[in-house]
Amino acid sequence: MESDIVFIFRFAVGCESEDSQIELLLKEVSGKDLCDLIATGREKLASVPSGGGSPAAEAKKEEKKEEKEESDDDMGFSLFE
């Protein structure tokens, strides 16, 4: 079974690591519930910043950009005057 897990890490996931690292990982998770491990991992990943702004912040940026474009149109003169 361990060789199957090594195969999954190396070829299916594309993870490059030494056998000792994979053995250490397997030792650490041995006897633990897989669903609990996944839930804990998801909680930890949720707290990591994703690099992008929040949707509200993105909407504000877009709104400011639109306002700026509109204000550029009125330069105090008209082409038809």
PDB file of N, CA and C in Angstrom:
ATOM      1  N   MET A   1       0.822  -1.195   0.000  1.00  0.00           N
ATOM      2  CA  MET A   1       0.000   0.000   0.000  1.00  0.00           C
ATOM      3  C   MET A   1       0.872   1.267   0.000  1.00  0.00           C
ATOM      4  N   GLU A   2       1.969   1.230   0.720  1.00  0.00           N
ATOM      5  CA  GLU A   2       2.847   2.401   0.780  1.00  0.00           C
ATOM      6  C   GLU A   2       3.391   2.744  -0.597  1.00  0.00           C
ATOM      7  N   SER A   3       3.704   1.732  -1.390  1.00  0.00           N
ATOM      8  CA  SER A   3       4.219   2.003  -2.737  1.00  0.00           C
ATOM      9  C   SER A   3       3.151   2.653  -3.604  1.00  0.00           C
ATOM     10  N   ASP A   4       1.880   2.312  -3.370  1.00  0.00           N
ATOM     11  CA  ASP A   4       0.780   2.960  -4.103  1.00  0.00           C
ATOM     12  C   ASP A   4       0.700   4.441  -3.767  1.00  0.00           C
ATOM     13  N   ILE A   5       0.883   4.761  -2.502  1.00  0.00           N
ATOM     14  CA  ILE A   5       0.812   6.153  -2.066  1.00  0.00           C
ATOM     15  C   ILE A   5       1.987   6.941  -2.637  1.00  0.00           C
ATOM     16  N   VAL A   6       3.165   6.338  -2.653  1.00  0.00           N
ATOM     17  CA  VAL A   6       4.333   6.990  -3.244  1.00  0.00           C
ATOM     18  C   VAL A   6       4.062   7.252  -4.725  1.00  0.00           C
ATOM     19  N   PHE A   7       3.474   6.287  -5.420  1.00  0.00           N
ATOM     20  CA  PHE A   7       3.145   6.451  -6.835  1.00  0.00           C
ATOM     21  C   PHE A   7       2.165   7.605  -7.025  1.00  0.00           C
ATOM     22  N   ILE A   8       1.158   7.688  -6.176  1.00  0.00           N
ATOM     23  CA  ILE A   8       0.158   8.764  -6.277  1.00  0.00           C
ATOM     24  C   ILE A   8       0.820  10.120  -6.100  1.00  0.00           C
ATOM     25  N   PHE A   9       1.669  10.246  -5.096  1.00  0.00           N
ATOM     26  CA  PHE A   9       2.352  11.524  -4.863  1.00  0.00           C
ATOM     27  C   PHE A   9       3.238  11.907  -6.039  1.00  0.00           C
ATOM     28  N   ARG A  10       3.980  10.969  -6.546  1.00  0.00           N
ATOM     29  CA  ARG A  10       4.958  11.291  -7.589  1.00  0.00           C
ATOM     30  C   ARG A  10       4.339  11.515  -8.954  1.00  0.00           C
ATOM     31  N   PHE A  11       3.394  10.680  -9.334  1.00  0.00           N
ATOM     32  CA  PHE A  11       2.928  10.718 -10.715  1.00  0.00           C
ATOM     33  C   PHE A  11       1.535  11.317 -10.889  1.00  0.00           C
ATOM     34  N   ALA A  12       0.620  10.992 -10.026  1.00  0.00           N
ATOM     35  CA  ALA A  12      -0.745  11.512 -10.173  1.00  0.00           C
ATOM     36  C   ALA A  12      -0.841  12.963  -9.708  1.00  0.00           C
ATOM     37  N   VAL A  13      -0.183  13.271  -8.593  1.00  0.00           N
ATOM     38  CA  VAL A  13      -0.239  14.620  -8.042  1.00  0.00           C
ATOM     39  C   VAL A  13       0.879  15.488  -8.607  1.00  0.00           C
ATOM     40  N   GLY A  14       1.972  14.874  -9.000  1.00  0.00           N
ATOM     41  CA  GLY A  14       3.100  15.627  -9.524  1.00  0.00           C
ATOM     42  C   GLY A  14       3.986  16.186  -8.433  1.00  0.00           C
ATOM     43  N   CYS A  15       3.961  15.580  -7.274  1.00  0.00           N
ATOM     44  CA  CYS A  15       4.736  16.041  -6.128  1.00  0.00           C
ATOM     45  C   CYS A  15       6.106  15.368  -6.131  1.00  0.00           C
ATOM     46  N   GLU A  16       7.142  16.168  -6.066  1.00  0.00           N
ATOM     47  CA  GLU A  16       8.487  15.615  -6.000  1.00  0.00           C
ATOM     48  C   GLU A  16       8.954  15.646  -4.556  1.00  0.00           C
ATOM     49  N   SER A  17       9.289  14.483  -4.033  1.00  0.00           N
ATOM     50  CA  SER A  17       9.789  14.428  -2.664  1.00  0.00           C
ATOM     51  C   SER A  17      10.625  13.168  -2.484  1.00  0.00           C
ATOM     52  N   GLU A  18      11.377  13.168  -1.410  1.00  0.00           N
ATOM     53  CA  GLU A  18      12.199  12.005  -1.086  1.00  0.00           C
ATOM     54  C   GLU A  18      11.346  10.972  -0.366  1.00  0.00           C
ATOM     55  N   ASP A  19      11.752   9.727  -0.466  1.00  0.00           N
ATOM     56  CA  ASP A  19      11.009   8.648   0.195  1.00  0.00           C
ATOM     57  C   ASP A  19      10.885   8.893   1.696  1.00  0.00           C
ATOM     58  N   SER A  20      11.929   9.452   2.299  1.00  0.00           N
ATOM     59  CA  SER A  20      11.902   9.689   3.748  1.00  0.00           C
ATOM     60  C   SER A  20      10.809  10.699   4.126  1.00  0.00           C
ATOM     61  N   GLN A  21      10.584  11.685   3.258  1.00  0.00           N
ATOM     62  CA  GLN A  21       9.533  12.668   3.535  1.00  0.00           C
ATOM     63  C   GLN A  21       8.147  12.026   3.452  1.00  0.00           C
ATOM     64  N   ILE A  22       7.960  11.165   2.457  1.00  0.00           N
ATOM     65  CA  ILE A  22       6.673  10.486   2.307  1.00  0.00           C
ATOM     66  C   ILE A  22       6.456   9.533   3.479  1.00  0.00           C
ATOM     67  N   GLU A  23       7.505   8.828   3.886  1.00  0.00           N
ATOM     68  CA  GLU A  23       7.403   7.922   5.035  1.00  0.00           C
ATOM     69  C   GLU A  23       7.037   8.694   6.303  1.00  0.00           C
ATOM     70  N   LEU A  24       7.626   9.866   6.495  1.00  0.00           N
ATOM     71  CA  LEU A  24       7.317  10.693   7.668  1.00  0.00           C
ATOM     72  C   LEU A  24       5.846  11.135   7.630  1.00  0.00           C
ATOM     73  N   LEU A  25       5.382  11.551   6.468  1.00  0.00           N
ATOM     74  CA  LEU A  25       3.987  11.952   6.326  1.00  0.00           C
ATOM     75  C   LEU A  25       3.062  10.799   6.670  1.00  0.00           C
ATOM     76  N   LEU A  26       3.343   9.628   6.148  1.00  0.00           N
ATOM     77  CA  LEU A  26       2.500   8.463   6.411  1.00  0.00           C
ATOM     78  C   LEU A  26       2.503   8.099   7.886  1.00  0.00           C
ATOM     79  N   LYS A  27       3.664   8.240   8.538  1.00  0.00           N
ATOM     80  CA  LYS A  27       3.758   7.951   9.970  1.00  0.00           C
ATOM     81  C   LYS A  27       2.900   8.941  10.770  1.00  0.00           C
ATOM     82  N   GLU A  28       2.920  10.225  10.358  1.00  0.00           N
ATOM     83  CA  GLU A  28       2.166  11.269  11.070  1.00  0.00           C
ATOM     84  C   GLU A  28       0.649  11.092  10.934  1.00  0.00           C
ATOM     85  N   VAL A  29       0.188  10.608   9.802  1.00  0.00           N
ATOM     86  CA  VAL A  29      -1.255  10.482   9.583  1.00  0.00           C
ATOM     87  C   VAL A  29      -1.777   9.079   9.882  1.00  0.00           C
ATOM     88  N   SER A  30      -0.884   8.171  10.244  1.00  0.00           N
ATOM     89  CA  SER A  30      -1.277   6.794  10.528  1.00  0.00           C
ATOM     90  C   SER A  30      -2.289   6.742  11.672  1.00  0.00           C
ATOM     91  N   GLY A  31      -3.403   6.066  11.425  1.00  0.00           N
ATOM     92  CA  GLY A  31      -4.426   5.896  12.451  1.00  0.00           C
ATOM     93  C   GLY A  31      -5.393   7.052  12.579  1.00  0.00           C
ATOM     94  N   LYS A  32      -5.211   8.109  11.798  1.00  0.00           N
ATOM     95  CA  LYS A  32      -6.107   9.264  11.861  1.00  0.00           C
ATOM     96  C   LYS A  32      -7.203   9.119  10.811  1.00  0.00           C
ATOM     97  N   ASP A  33      -8.342   9.695  11.115  1.00  0.00           N
ATOM     98  CA  ASP A  33      -9.478   9.653  10.214  1.00  0.00           C
ATOM     99  C   ASP A  33      -9.235  10.583   9.020  1.00  0.00           C
ATOM    100  N   LEU A  34      -9.395  10.065   7.814  1.00  0.00           N
ATOM    101  CA  LEU A  34      -9.137  10.835   6.609  1.00  0.00           C
ATOM    102  C   LEU A  34     -10.048  12.051   6.507  1.00  0.00           C
ATOM    103  N   CYS A  35     -11.316  11.897   6.856  1.00  0.00           N
ATOM    104  CA  CYS A  35     -12.253  13.031   6.799  1.00  0.00           C
ATOM    105  C   CYS A  35     -11.833  14.142   7.751  1.00  0.00           C
ATOM    106  N   ASP A  36     -11.349  13.775   8.934  1.00  0.00           N
ATOM    107  CA  ASP A  36     -10.869  14.775   9.895  1.00  0.00           C
ATOM    108  C   ASP A  36      -9.633  15.499   9.362  1.00  0.00           C
ATOM    109  N   LEU A  37      -8.730  14.747   8.742  1.00  0.00           N
ATOM    110  CA  LEU A  37      -7.528  15.365   8.174  1.00  0.00           C
ATOM    111  C   LEU A  37      -7.894  16.364   7.076  1.00  0.00           C
ATOM    112  N   ILE A  38      -8.830  15.990   6.218  1.00  0.00           N
ATOM    113  CA  ILE A  38      -9.243  16.877   5.142  1.00  0.00           C
ATOM    114  C   ILE A  38      -9.932  18.117   5.699  1.00  0.00           C
ATOM    115  N   ALA A  39     -10.803  17.937   6.678  1.00  0.00           N
ATOM    116  CA  ALA A  39     -11.510  19.077   7.279  1.00  0.00           C
ATOM    117  C   ALA A  39     -10.522  20.042   7.934  1.00  0.00           C
ATOM    118  N   THR A  40      -9.547  19.502   8.641  1.00  0.00           N
ATOM    119  CA  THR A  40      -8.535  20.340   9.286  1.00  0.00           C
ATOM    120  C   THR A  40      -7.718  21.091   8.241  1.00  0.00           C
ATOM    121  N   GLY A  41      -7.357  20.413   7.169  1.00  0.00           N
ATOM    122  CA  GLY A  41      -6.611  21.058   6.095  1.00  0.00           C
ATOM    123  C   GLY A  41      -7.394  22.176   5.440  1.00  0.00           C
ATOM    124  N   ARG A  42      -8.675  21.957   5.219  1.00  0.00           N
ATOM    125  CA  ARG A  42      -9.513  22.999   4.616  1.00  0.00           C
ATOM    126  C   ARG A  42      -9.613  24.222   5.516  1.00  0.00           C
ATOM    127  N   GLU A  43      -9.744  23.996   6.826  1.00  0.00           N
ATOM    128  CA  GLU A  43      -9.807  25.112   7.767  1.00  0.00           C
ATOM    129  C   GLU A  43      -8.523  25.931   7.709  1.00  0.00           C
ATOM    130  N   LYS A  44      -7.394  25.247   7.661  1.00  0.00           N
ATOM    131  CA  LYS A  44      -6.111  25.948   7.611  1.00  0.00           C
ATOM    132  C   LYS A  44      -5.955  26.707   6.304  1.00  0.00           C
ATOM    133  N   LEU A  45      -6.361  26.112   5.193  1.00  0.00           N
ATOM    134  CA  LEU A  45      -6.259  26.789   3.905  1.00  0.00           C
ATOM    135  C   LEU A  45      -7.186  27.994   3.818  1.00  0.00           C
ATOM    136  N   ALA A  46      -8.325  27.929   4.480  1.00  0.00           N
ATOM    137  CA  ALA A  46      -9.278  29.042   4.444  1.00  0.00           C
ATOM    138  C   ALA A  46      -8.697  30.284   5.099  1.00  0.00           C
ATOM    139  N   SER A  47      -7.776  30.113   6.040  1.00  0.00           N
ATOM    140  CA  SER A  47      -7.197  31.262   6.733  1.00  0.00           C
ATOM    141  C   SER A  47      -6.018  31.872   5.979  1.00  0.00           C
ATOM    142  N   VAL A  48      -5.581  31.242   4.891  1.00  0.00           N
ATOM    143  CA  VAL A  48      -4.449  31.737   4.108  1.00  0.00           C
ATOM    144  C   VAL A  48      -4.950  32.765   3.099  1.00  0.00           C
ATOM    145  N   PRO A  49      -4.345  33.941   3.034  1.00  0.00           N
ATOM    146  CA  PRO A  49      -4.760  34.927   2.040  1.00  0.00           C
ATOM    147  C   PRO A  49      -4.578  34.375   0.628  1.00  0.00           C
ATOM    148  N   SER A  50      -5.539  34.659  -0.217  1.00  0.00           N
ATOM    149  CA  SER A  50      -5.488  34.097  -1.572  1.00  0.00           C
ATOM    150  C   SER A  50      -4.786  35.011  -2.561  1.00  0.00           C
ATOM    151  N   GLY A  51      -4.418  36.216  -2.150  1.00  0.00           N
ATOM    152  CA  GLY A  51      -3.707  37.118  -3.043  1.00  0.00           C
ATOM    153  C   GLY A  51      -4.618  38.084  -3.770  1.00  0.00           C
ATOM    154  N   GLY A  52      -5.864  37.749  -3.920  1.00  0.00           N
ATOM    155  CA  GLY A  52      -6.815  38.635  -4.581  1.00  0.00           C
ATOM    156  C   GLY A  52      -7.612  39.410  -3.560  1.00  0.00           C
ATOM    157  N   GLY A  53      -8.199  40.486  -3.998  1.00  0.00           N
ATOM    158  CA  GLY A  53      -9.041  41.264  -3.109  1.00  0.00           C
ATOM    159  C   GLY A  53     -10.401  40.623  -2.955  1.00  0.00           C
ATOM    160  N   SER A  54     -11.144  41.107  -2.010  1.00  0.00           N
ATOM    161  CA  SER A  54     -12.494  40.599  -1.824  1.00  0.00           C
ATOM    162  C   SER A  54     -13.376  41.094  -2.957  1.00  0.00           C
ATOM    163  N   PRO A  55     -14.495  40.431  -3.211  1.00  0.00           N
ATOM    164  CA  PRO A  55     -15.395  40.899  -4.279  1.00  0.00           C
ATOM    165  C   PRO A  55     -15.860  42.336  -4.063  1.00  0.00           C
ATOM    166  N   ALA A  56     -16.086  42.720  -2.822  1.00  0.00           N
ATOM    167  CA  ALA A  56     -16.521  44.088  -2.529  1.00  0.00           C
ATOM    168  C   ALA A  56     -15.421  45.088  -2.894  1.00  0.00           C
ATOM    169  N   ALA A  57     -14.184  44.733  -2.577  1.00  0.00           N
ATOM    170  CA  ALA A  57     -13.060  45.626  -2.906  1.00  0.00           C
ATOM    171  C   ALA A  57     -12.887  45.732  -4.419  1.00  0.00           C
ATOM    172  N   GLU A  58     -13.077  44.634  -5.108  1.00  0.00           N
ATOM    173  CA  GLU A  58     -12.966  44.654  -6.564  1.00  0.00           C
ATOM    174  C   GLU A  58     -14.068  45.513  -7.176  1.00  0.00           C
ATOM    175  N   ALA A  59     -15.274  45.437  -6.628  1.00  0.00           N
ATOM    176  CA  ALA A  59     -16.389  46.240  -7.133  1.00  0.00           C
ATOM    177  C   ALA A  59     -16.114  47.725  -6.920  1.00  0.00           C
ATOM    178  N   LYS A  60     -15.532  48.079  -5.770  1.00  0.00           N
ATOM    179  CA  LYS A  60     -15.193  49.486  -5.502  1.00  0.00           C
ATOM    180  C   LYS A  60     -14.167  49.990  -6.494  1.00  0.00           C
ATOM    181  N   LYS A  61     -13.169  49.166  -6.800  1.00  0.00           N
ATOM    182  CA  LYS A  61     -12.147  49.562  -7.766  1.00  0.00           C
ATOM    183  C   LYS A  61     -12.782  49.819  -9.124  1.00  0.00           C
ATOM    184  N   GLU A  62     -13.679  48.939  -9.526  1.00  0.00           N
ATOM    185  CA  GLU A  62     -14.342  49.088 -10.815  1.00  0.00           C
ATOM    186  C   GLU A  62     -15.201  50.342 -10.831  1.00  0.00           C
ATOM    187  N   GLU A  63     -15.893  50.610  -9.711  1.00  0.00           N
ATOM    188  CA  GLU A  63     -16.746  51.793  -9.619  1.00  0.00           C
ATOM    189  C   GLU A  63     -15.901  53.063  -9.725  1.00  0.00           C
ATOM    190  N   LYS A  64     -14.765  53.098  -9.036  1.00  0.00           N
ATOM    191  CA  LYS A  64     -13.888  54.265  -9.089  1.00  0.00           C
ATOM    192  C   LYS A  64     -13.361  54.467 -10.505  1.00  0.00           C
ATOM    193  N   LYS A  65     -13.038  53.381 -11.175  1.00  0.00           N
ATOM    194  CA  LYS A  65     -12.534  53.478 -12.539  1.00  0.00           C
ATOM    195  C   LYS A  65     -13.588  54.081 -13.456  1.00  0.00           C
ATOM    196  N   GLU A  66     -14.851  53.641 -13.298  1.00  0.00           N
ATOM    197  CA  GLU A  66     -15.934  54.173 -14.115  1.00  0.00           C
ATOM    198  C   GLU A  66     -16.152  55.660 -13.837  1.00  0.00           C
ATOM    199  N   GLU A  67     -16.089  56.050 -12.562  1.00  0.00           N
ATOM    200  CA  GLU A  67     -16.261  57.458 -12.204  1.00  0.00           C
ATOM    201  C   GLU A  67     -15.162  58.293 -12.838  1.00  0.00           C
ATOM    202  N   LYS A  68     -13.949  57.804 -12.836  1.00  0.00           N
ATOM    203  CA  LYS A  68     -12.829  58.539 -13.406  1.00  0.00           C
ATOM    204  C   LYS A  68     -13.026  58.709 -14.911  1.00  0.00           C
ATOM    205  N   GLU A  69     -13.470  57.668 -15.583  1.00  0.00           N
ATOM    206  CA  GLU A  69     -13.705  57.754 -17.016  1.00  0.00           C
ATOM    207  C   GLU A  69     -14.774  58.794 -17.334  1.00  0.00           C
ATOM    208  N   GLU A  70     -15.825  58.849 -16.526  1.00  0.00           N
ATOM    209  CA  GLU A  70     -16.891  59.817 -16.743  1.00  0.00           C
ATOM    210  C   GLU A  70     -16.389  61.236 -16.512  1.00  0.00           C
ATOM    211  N   SER A  71     -15.563  61.441 -15.514  1.00  0.00           N
ATOM    212  CA  SER A  71     -15.087  62.784 -15.214  1.00  0.00           C
ATOM    213  C   SER A  71     -14.124  63.284 -16.285  1.00  0.00           C
ATOM    214  N   ASP A  72     -13.455  62.412 -16.988  1.00  0.00           N
ATOM    215  CA  ASP A  72     -12.553  62.811 -18.058  1.00  0.00           C
ATOM    216  C   ASP A  72     -13.309  63.379 -19.254  1.00  0.00           C
ATOM    217  N   ASP A  73     -14.563  62.992 -19.418  1.00  0.00           N
ATOM    218  CA  ASP A  73     -15.352  63.461 -20.552  1.00  0.00           C
ATOM    219  C   ASP A  73     -15.647  64.963 -20.463  1.00  0.00           C
ATOM    220  N   ASP A  74     -15.819  65.517 -19.283  1.00  0.00           N
ATOM    221  CA  ASP A  74     -16.172  66.919 -19.104  1.00  0.00           C
ATOM    222  C   ASP A  74     -14.904  67.723 -18.847  1.00  0.00           C
ATOM    223  N   MET A  75     -14.373  68.328 -19.894  1.00  0.00           N
ATOM    224  CA  MET A  75     -13.138  69.110 -19.747  1.00  0.00           C
ATOM    225  C   MET A  75     -13.417  70.616 -19.858  1.00  0.00           C
ATOM    226  N   GLY A  76     -14.671  70.999 -19.770  1.00  0.00           N
ATOM    227  CA  GLY A  76     -14.990  72.420 -19.777  1.00  0.00           C
ATOM    228  C   GLY A  76     -15.281  72.976 -21.142  1.00  0.00           C
ATOM    229  N   PHE A  77     -15.252  72.183 -22.175  1.00  0.00           N
ATOM    230  CA  PHE A  77     -15.611  72.685 -23.505  1.00  0.00           C
ATOM    231  C   PHE A  77     -16.348  71.595 -24.275  1.00  0.00           C
ATOM    232  N   SER A  78     -16.990  71.991 -25.322  1.00  0.00           N
ATOM    233  CA  SER A  78     -17.730  71.041 -26.141  1.00  0.00           C
ATOM    234  C   SER A  78     -17.271  71.151 -27.580  1.00  0.00           C
ATOM    235  N   LEU A  79     -17.306  70.094 -28.268  1.00  0.00           N
ATOM    236  CA  LEU A  79     -16.910  70.094 -29.672  1.00  0.00           C
ATOM    237  C   LEU A  79     -17.941  70.807 -30.554  1.00  0.00           C
ATOM    238  N   PHE A  80     -19.168  70.914 -30.060  1.00  0.00           N
ATOM    239  CA  PHE A  80     -20.249  71.463 -30.868  1.00  0.00           C
ATOM    240  C   PHE A  80     -20.595  72.910 -30.509  1.00  0.00           C
ATOM    241  N   GLU A  81     -19.809  73.578 -29.738  1.00  0.00           N
ATOM    242  CA  GLU A  81     -20.096  74.963 -29.374  1.00  0.00           C
ATOM    243  C   GLU A  81     -19.395  75.919 -30.285  1.00  0.00           C
TER     244      GLU A  81
END
